[in-house]
């Protein structure tokens, strides 16, 4: 019998292995290469995070394509070998939660994999040169506020970049999408049929009736 893991691997988009959506982890992940030999280089070196529709606001539960890409000109196309993507609460002290910061999902390619040591984080699947990578991000539930999408880009042992400039993207909930308040403010009087009153009487426990007397 085919296991659930195999079925998920065959899906177009795979959800992360971070456990239940409501699970929370108090500490975030360090956005840095494993065993980094040098400190990160300042700035973003023209690498940037893009969100589909170039939006700065998300609709709760909606899916968006997140792209990590470098500069592309007629002469130069930037390449990187390793990367890391994370999504964090805007408040650094807040716990990390799939329910409150949304969840990464992977496309059915061979460029990305989930970070088994970090909640809601995506890494490279190999160290071959890349010009861009894409993942899906499912936005969190209503009332979650703002989140930060962050990236680390590793070019070689002496050059890597993280969080600075366009490697961090702030996205906030689109509160304009909330359901409008009811505008029926006028008083109304309704005549209750006797048959309905009788049904309600027989449906009410005897103890509730004696309490009202």
C-alpha atoms as a PDB file:
ATOM      1  CA  UNK A   1       0.000   0.000   0.000  1.00  0.00           C
ATOM      2  CA  UNK A   2       1.312   3.458  -0.933  1.00  0.00           C
ATOM      3  CA  UNK A   3       2.117   5.567   2.130  1.00  0.00           C
ATOM      4  CA  UNK A   4       0.802   9.078   2.716  1.00  0.00           C
ATOM      5  CA  UNK A   5       4.342  10.421   2.318  1.00  0.00           C
ATOM      6  CA  UNK A   6       4.545   9.046  -1.226  1.00  0.00           C
ATOM      7  CA  UNK A   7       1.148  10.489  -2.095  1.00  0.00           C
ATOM      8  CA  UNK A   8       2.183  13.913  -0.854  1.00  0.00           C
ATOM      9  CA  UNK A   9       5.444  13.733  -2.784  1.00  0.00           C
ATOM     10  CA  UNK A  10       3.497  13.054  -5.972  1.00  0.00           C
ATOM     11  CA  UNK A  11       1.213  16.042  -5.440  1.00  0.00           C
ATOM     12  CA  UNK A  12       1.704  19.261  -7.391  1.00  0.00           C
ATOM     13  CA  UNK A  13       2.162  21.192  -4.161  1.00  0.00           C
ATOM     14  CA  UNK A  14       3.372  19.587  -0.959  1.00  0.00           C
ATOM     15  CA  UNK A  15       2.714  20.979   2.483  1.00  0.00           C
ATOM     16  CA  UNK A  16       5.516  21.354   4.986  1.00  0.00           C
ATOM     17  CA  UNK A  17       6.463  18.752   7.601  1.00  0.00           C
ATOM     18  CA  UNK A  18       6.024  21.162  10.477  1.00  0.00           C
ATOM     19  CA  UNK A  19       3.247  19.319  12.237  1.00  0.00           C
ATOM     20  CA  UNK A  20      -0.178  20.594  13.167  1.00  0.00           C
ATOM     21  CA  UNK A  21      -1.178  23.980  11.826  1.00  0.00           C
ATOM     22  CA  UNK A  22      -1.820  25.291  15.309  1.00  0.00           C
ATOM     23  CA  UNK A  23       1.520  24.164  16.742  1.00  0.00           C
ATOM     24  CA  UNK A  24       3.717  26.994  17.959  1.00  0.00           C
ATOM     25  CA  UNK A  25       7.479  27.269  18.400  1.00  0.00           C
ATOM     26  CA  UNK A  26       8.810  30.070  20.573  1.00  0.00           C
ATOM     27  CA  UNK A  27      12.157  30.522  18.836  1.00  0.00           C
ATOM     28  CA  UNK A  28      12.700  31.382  15.171  1.00  0.00           C
ATOM     29  CA  UNK A  29      15.323  29.977  12.837  1.00  0.00           C
ATOM     30  CA  UNK A  30      18.708  31.520  12.173  1.00  0.00           C
ATOM     31  CA  UNK A  31      18.781  32.736   8.587  1.00  0.00           C
ATOM     32  CA  UNK A  32      22.320  31.681   7.687  1.00  0.00           C
ATOM     33  CA  UNK A  33      24.110  28.892   5.803  1.00  0.00           C
ATOM     34  CA  UNK A  34      24.945  25.808   7.802  1.00  0.00           C
ATOM     35  CA  UNK A  35      28.534  26.079   9.047  1.00  0.00           C
ATOM     36  CA  UNK A  36      29.070  29.523   7.519  1.00  0.00           C
ATOM     37  CA  UNK A  37      32.792  30.312   7.400  1.00  0.00           C
ATOM     38  CA  UNK A  38      32.392  34.089   7.061  1.00  0.00           C
ATOM     39  CA  UNK A  39      29.920  36.718   8.192  1.00  0.00           C
ATOM     40  CA  UNK A  40      27.199  37.703   5.788  1.00  0.00           C
ATOM     41  CA  UNK A  41      27.897  40.412   3.236  1.00  0.00           C
ATOM     42  CA  UNK A  42      25.891  43.640   3.685  1.00  0.00           C
ATOM     43  CA  UNK A  43      22.990  44.524   1.425  1.00  0.00           C
ATOM     44  CA  UNK A  44      21.021  42.307  -0.943  1.00  0.00           C
ATOM     45  CA  UNK A  45      23.421  42.383  -3.953  1.00  0.00           C
ATOM     46  CA  UNK A  46      20.371  42.929  -6.200  1.00  0.00           C
ATOM     47  CA  UNK A  47      18.697  39.706  -5.112  1.00  0.00           C
ATOM     48  CA  UNK A  48      15.026  40.153  -4.269  1.00  0.00           C
ATOM     49  CA  UNK A  49      11.908  38.397  -3.082  1.00  0.00           C
ATOM     50  CA  UNK A  50       8.871  38.762  -5.317  1.00  0.00           C
ATOM     51  CA  UNK A  51       5.271  37.980  -4.453  1.00  0.00           C
ATOM     52  CA  UNK A  52       2.709  37.188  -7.144  1.00  0.00           C
ATOM     53  CA  UNK A  53       0.688  40.225  -8.220  1.00  0.00           C
ATOM     54  CA  UNK A  54       3.408  42.287  -6.507  1.00  0.00           C
ATOM     55  CA  UNK A  55       1.044  42.580  -3.595  1.00  0.00           C
ATOM     56  CA  UNK A  56       1.784  44.019  -0.158  1.00  0.00           C
ATOM     57  CA  UNK A  57      -1.460  42.701   1.316  1.00  0.00           C
ATOM     58  CA  UNK A  58      -2.737  39.164   1.512  1.00  0.00           C
ATOM     59  CA  UNK A  59      -6.197  37.644   1.573  1.00  0.00           C
ATOM     60  CA  UNK A  60      -6.448  35.103   4.437  1.00  0.00           C
ATOM     61  CA  UNK A  61      -6.078  31.553   3.164  1.00  0.00           C
ATOM     62  CA  UNK A  62      -5.119  32.654  -0.362  1.00  0.00           C
ATOM     63  CA  UNK A  63      -2.070  31.107  -2.080  1.00  0.00           C
ATOM     64  CA  UNK A  64       0.716  33.238  -3.545  1.00  0.00           C
ATOM     65  CA  UNK A  65       3.843  32.426  -5.557  1.00  0.00           C
ATOM     66  CA  UNK A  66       7.064  33.552  -3.857  1.00  0.00           C
ATOM     67  CA  UNK A  67      10.070  33.989  -6.152  1.00  0.00           C
ATOM     68  CA  UNK A  68      13.694  34.474  -5.139  1.00  0.00           C
ATOM     69  CA  UNK A  69      15.648  35.889  -8.080  1.00  0.00           C
ATOM     70  CA  UNK A  70      18.780  37.910  -8.813  1.00  0.00           C
ATOM     71  CA  UNK A  71      19.557  40.658 -11.283  1.00  0.00           C
ATOM     72  CA  UNK A  72      19.218  39.896 -14.972  1.00  0.00           C
ATOM     73  CA  UNK A  73      20.824  42.062 -17.633  1.00  0.00           C
ATOM     74  CA  UNK A  74      22.119  41.521 -21.159  1.00  0.00           C
ATOM     75  CA  UNK A  75      25.588  40.910 -19.740  1.00  0.00           C
ATOM     76  CA  UNK A  76      25.016  39.235 -16.376  1.00  0.00           C
ATOM     77  CA  UNK A  77      22.527  36.766 -14.947  1.00  0.00           C
ATOM     78  CA  UNK A  78      23.128  36.313 -11.229  1.00  0.00           C
ATOM     79  CA  UNK A  79      23.418  32.780  -9.947  1.00  0.00           C
ATOM     80  CA  UNK A  80      23.457  31.284  -6.472  1.00  0.00           C
ATOM     81  CA  UNK A  81      23.981  27.766  -5.200  1.00  0.00           C
ATOM     82  CA  UNK A  82      22.162  27.692  -1.862  1.00  0.00           C
ATOM     83  CA  UNK A  83      19.299  29.580  -0.287  1.00  0.00           C
ATOM     84  CA  UNK A  84      16.853  29.612   2.591  1.00  0.00           C
ATOM     85  CA  UNK A  85      13.338  31.022   2.827  1.00  0.00           C
ATOM     86  CA  UNK A  86      11.498  31.637   6.073  1.00  0.00           C
ATOM     87  CA  UNK A  87       8.285  33.349   7.138  1.00  0.00           C
ATOM     88  CA  UNK A  88       8.184  34.997  10.550  1.00  0.00           C
ATOM     89  CA  UNK A  89       5.861  37.161  12.632  1.00  0.00           C
ATOM     90  CA  UNK A  90       6.560  40.864  12.428  1.00  0.00           C
ATOM     91  CA  UNK A  91       6.918  40.809  16.214  1.00  0.00           C
ATOM     92  CA  UNK A  92      10.173  38.935  16.726  1.00  0.00           C
ATOM     93  CA  UNK A  93       9.126  37.857  20.220  1.00  0.00           C
ATOM     94  CA  UNK A  94       5.921  36.194  19.011  1.00  0.00           C
ATOM     95  CA  UNK A  95       5.866  32.401  18.584  1.00  0.00           C
ATOM     96  CA  UNK A  96       6.091  30.947  15.085  1.00  0.00           C
ATOM     97  CA  UNK A  97       2.905  29.265  13.960  1.00  0.00           C
ATOM     98  CA  UNK A  98       1.655  27.942  10.628  1.00  0.00           C
ATOM     99  CA  UNK A  99      -1.768  29.194  11.613  1.00  0.00           C
ATOM    100  CA  UNK A 100      -0.533  32.741  12.261  1.00  0.00           C
ATOM    101  CA  UNK A 101       2.212  33.145   9.625  1.00  0.00           C
ATOM    102  CA  UNK A 102       0.924  30.905   6.864  1.00  0.00           C
ATOM    103  CA  UNK A 103       2.616  27.899   5.322  1.00  0.00           C
ATOM    104  CA  UNK A 104       5.089  27.240   2.524  1.00  0.00           C
ATOM    105  CA  UNK A 105       4.205  24.638  -0.088  1.00  0.00           C
ATOM    106  CA  UNK A 106       6.517  23.221  -2.750  1.00  0.00           C
ATOM    107  CA  UNK A 107       6.083  22.860  -6.473  1.00  0.00           C
ATOM    108  CA  UNK A 108       6.800  19.486  -8.033  1.00  0.00           C
ATOM    109  CA  UNK A 109      10.361  20.328  -9.057  1.00  0.00           C
ATOM    110  CA  UNK A 110      13.793  19.271  -7.834  1.00  0.00           C
ATOM    111  CA  UNK A 111      15.069  22.671  -6.690  1.00  0.00           C
ATOM    112  CA  UNK A 112      13.510  22.940  -3.236  1.00  0.00           C
ATOM    113  CA  UNK A 113      12.998  20.928  -0.072  1.00  0.00           C
ATOM    114  CA  UNK A 114      11.705  21.582   3.416  1.00  0.00           C
ATOM    115  CA  UNK A 115      14.140  22.316   6.231  1.00  0.00           C
ATOM    116  CA  UNK A 116      13.723  19.490   8.729  1.00  0.00           C
ATOM    117  CA  UNK A 117      15.431  21.501  11.470  1.00  0.00           C
ATOM    118  CA  UNK A 118      13.327  24.644  11.181  1.00  0.00           C
ATOM    119  CA  UNK A 119       9.595  25.284  11.228  1.00  0.00           C
ATOM    120  CA  UNK A 120       8.222  26.719   7.992  1.00  0.00           C
ATOM    121  CA  UNK A 121      11.529  27.007   6.141  1.00  0.00           C
ATOM    122  CA  UNK A 122      12.612  25.983   2.627  1.00  0.00           C
ATOM    123  CA  UNK A 123      16.135  25.111   1.432  1.00  0.00           C
ATOM    124  CA  UNK A 124      17.860  24.150  -1.806  1.00  0.00           C
ATOM    125  CA  UNK A 125      17.645  20.526  -2.891  1.00  0.00           C
ATOM    126  CA  UNK A 126      21.165  20.583  -4.405  1.00  0.00           C
ATOM    127  CA  UNK A 127      24.144  22.946  -4.740  1.00  0.00           C
ATOM    128  CA  UNK A 128      23.950  23.429  -8.502  1.00  0.00           C
ATOM    129  CA  UNK A 129      23.855  27.027  -9.818  1.00  0.00           C
ATOM    130  CA  UNK A 130      20.387  28.585  -9.873  1.00  0.00           C
ATOM    131  CA  UNK A 131      18.982  31.797 -11.305  1.00  0.00           C
ATOM    132  CA  UNK A 132      15.691  31.697  -9.401  1.00  0.00           C
ATOM    133  CA  UNK A 133      13.515  29.479  -7.220  1.00  0.00           C
ATOM    134  CA  UNK A 134       9.796  29.521  -6.551  1.00  0.00           C
ATOM    135  CA  UNK A 135       7.573  28.207  -3.779  1.00  0.00           C
ATOM    136  CA  UNK A 136       3.937  28.636  -2.846  1.00  0.00           C
ATOM    137  CA  UNK A 137       2.886  30.466   0.306  1.00  0.00           C
ATOM    138  CA  UNK A 138      -0.559  29.949   1.773  1.00  0.00           C
ATOM    139  CA  UNK A 139      -1.505  33.080   3.702  1.00  0.00           C
ATOM    140  CA  UNK A 140      -2.520  32.733   7.368  1.00  0.00           C
ATOM    141  CA  UNK A 141      -6.010  32.943   8.789  1.00  0.00           C
ATOM    142  CA  UNK A 142      -7.903  36.188   9.345  1.00  0.00           C
ATOM    143  CA  UNK A 143      -6.676  38.334  12.216  1.00  0.00           C
ATOM    144  CA  UNK A 144      -3.006  37.355  11.816  1.00  0.00           C
ATOM    145  CA  UNK A 145      -1.762  40.853  10.949  1.00  0.00           C
ATOM    146  CA  UNK A 146       1.627  41.344   9.272  1.00  0.00           C
ATOM    147  CA  UNK A 147       4.293  38.740   8.515  1.00  0.00           C
ATOM    148  CA  UNK A 148       7.838  38.914   7.154  1.00  0.00           C
ATOM    149  CA  UNK A 149       9.025  36.775   4.263  1.00  0.00           C
ATOM    150  CA  UNK A 150      12.818  36.539   4.407  1.00  0.00           C
ATOM    151  CA  UNK A 151      15.535  35.007   2.267  1.00  0.00           C
ATOM    152  CA  UNK A 152      19.200  34.031   2.489  1.00  0.00           C
ATOM    153  CA  UNK A 153      21.251  33.714  -0.719  1.00  0.00           C
ATOM    154  CA  UNK A 154      24.569  31.850  -0.778  1.00  0.00           C
ATOM    155  CA  UNK A 155      26.866  32.417  -3.750  1.00  0.00           C
ATOM    156  CA  UNK A 156      30.081  30.844  -2.472  1.00  0.00           C
ATOM    157  CA  UNK A 157      32.108  30.315   0.691  1.00  0.00           C
ATOM    158  CA  UNK A 158      33.017  34.010   0.918  1.00  0.00           C
ATOM    159  CA  UNK A 159      29.760  35.672  -0.206  1.00  0.00           C
ATOM    160  CA  UNK A 160      26.274  35.279   1.149  1.00  0.00           C
ATOM    161  CA  UNK A 161      23.436  37.696   1.833  1.00  0.00           C
ATOM    162  CA  UNK A 162      20.398  37.597   4.093  1.00  0.00           C
ATOM    163  CA  UNK A 163      17.420  39.710   5.184  1.00  0.00           C
ATOM    164  CA  UNK A 164      18.796  43.077   4.053  1.00  0.00           C
ATOM    165  CA  UNK A 165      17.052  45.249   1.490  1.00  0.00           C
ATOM    166  CA  UNK A 166      14.792  43.360  -0.880  1.00  0.00           C
ATOM    167  CA  UNK A 167      15.541  40.038   0.793  1.00  0.00           C
ATOM    168  CA  UNK A 168      12.822  40.827   3.327  1.00  0.00           C
ATOM    169  CA  UNK A 169       9.238  41.375   2.301  1.00  0.00           C
ATOM    170  CA  UNK A 170       6.565  42.660   4.693  1.00  0.00           C
ATOM    171  CA  UNK A 171       3.042  41.524   3.875  1.00  0.00           C
ATOM    172  CA  UNK A 172      -0.034  42.511   5.869  1.00  0.00           C
ATOM    173  CA  UNK A 173      -3.581  41.234   5.961  1.00  0.00           C
ATOM    174  CA  UNK A 174      -5.999  43.020   3.657  1.00  0.00           C
ATOM    175  CA  UNK A 175      -8.573  44.025   6.241  1.00  0.00           C
ATOM    176  CA  UNK A 176     -10.761  45.559   3.518  1.00  0.00           C
ATOM    177  CA  UNK A 177     -11.750  42.004   2.591  1.00  0.00           C
ATOM    178  CA  UNK A 178     -13.466  41.462   5.949  1.00  0.00           C
ATOM    179  CA  UNK A 179     -17.218  40.853   5.812  1.00  0.00           C
ATOM    180  CA  UNK A 180     -19.162  44.156   6.009  1.00  0.00           C
ATOM    181  CA  UNK A 181     -21.219  44.907   9.074  1.00  0.00           C
ATOM    182  CA  UNK A 182     -24.963  44.360   8.865  1.00  0.00           C
ATOM    183  CA  UNK A 183     -26.757  47.559   7.909  1.00  0.00           C
ATOM    184  CA  UNK A 184     -30.260  46.489   8.931  1.00  0.00           C
ATOM    185  CA  UNK A 185     -30.517  48.816  11.888  1.00  0.00           C
ATOM    186  CA  UNK A 186     -34.272  49.592  11.841  1.00  0.00           C
ATOM    187  CA  UNK A 187     -36.565  47.962  14.369  1.00  0.00           C
ATOM    188  CA  UNK A 188     -38.978  45.338  13.096  1.00  0.00           C
ATOM    189  CA  UNK A 189     -41.891  43.524  14.706  1.00  0.00           C
ATOM    190  CA  UNK A 190     -42.952  40.048  13.725  1.00  0.00           C
ATOM    191  CA  UNK A 191     -46.106  38.124  14.613  1.00  0.00           C
ATOM    192  CA  UNK A 192     -45.204  34.627  15.837  1.00  0.00           C
ATOM    193  CA  UNK A 193     -47.689  31.959  14.732  1.00  0.00           C
ATOM    194  CA  UNK A 194     -49.388  30.069  17.554  1.00  0.00           C
ATOM    195  CA  UNK A 195     -48.207  26.738  16.132  1.00  0.00           C
ATOM    196  CA  UNK A 196     -44.567  27.883  16.336  1.00  0.00           C
ATOM    197  CA  UNK A 197     -45.049  29.001  19.952  1.00  0.00           C
ATOM    198  CA  UNK A 198     -46.514  25.590  20.775  1.00  0.00           C
ATOM    199  CA  UNK A 199     -43.551  23.763  19.216  1.00  0.00           C
ATOM    200  CA  UNK A 200     -41.131  25.991  21.113  1.00  0.00           C
ATOM    201  CA  UNK A 201     -42.975  25.235  24.336  1.00  0.00           C
ATOM    202  CA  UNK A 202     -42.788  21.486  23.854  1.00  0.00           C
ATOM    203  CA  UNK A 203     -39.115  21.751  22.831  1.00  0.00           C
ATOM    204  CA  UNK A 204     -38.166  23.579  26.035  1.00  0.00           C
ATOM    205  CA  UNK A 205     -37.004  21.405  28.970  1.00  0.00           C
ATOM    206  CA  UNK A 206     -39.368  21.440  31.940  1.00  0.00           C
ATOM    207  CA  UNK A 207     -36.556  22.644  34.223  1.00  0.00           C
ATOM    208  CA  UNK A 208     -36.104  25.770  32.058  1.00  0.00           C
ATOM    209  CA  UNK A 209     -39.805  26.575  32.358  1.00  0.00           C
ATOM    210  CA  UNK A 210     -39.854  26.228  36.140  1.00  0.00           C
ATOM    211  CA  UNK A 211     -36.795  28.476  36.408  1.00  0.00           C
ATOM    212  CA  UNK A 212     -38.680  31.235  34.661  1.00  0.00           C
ATOM    213  CA  UNK A 213     -41.690  31.033  37.038  1.00  0.00           C
END
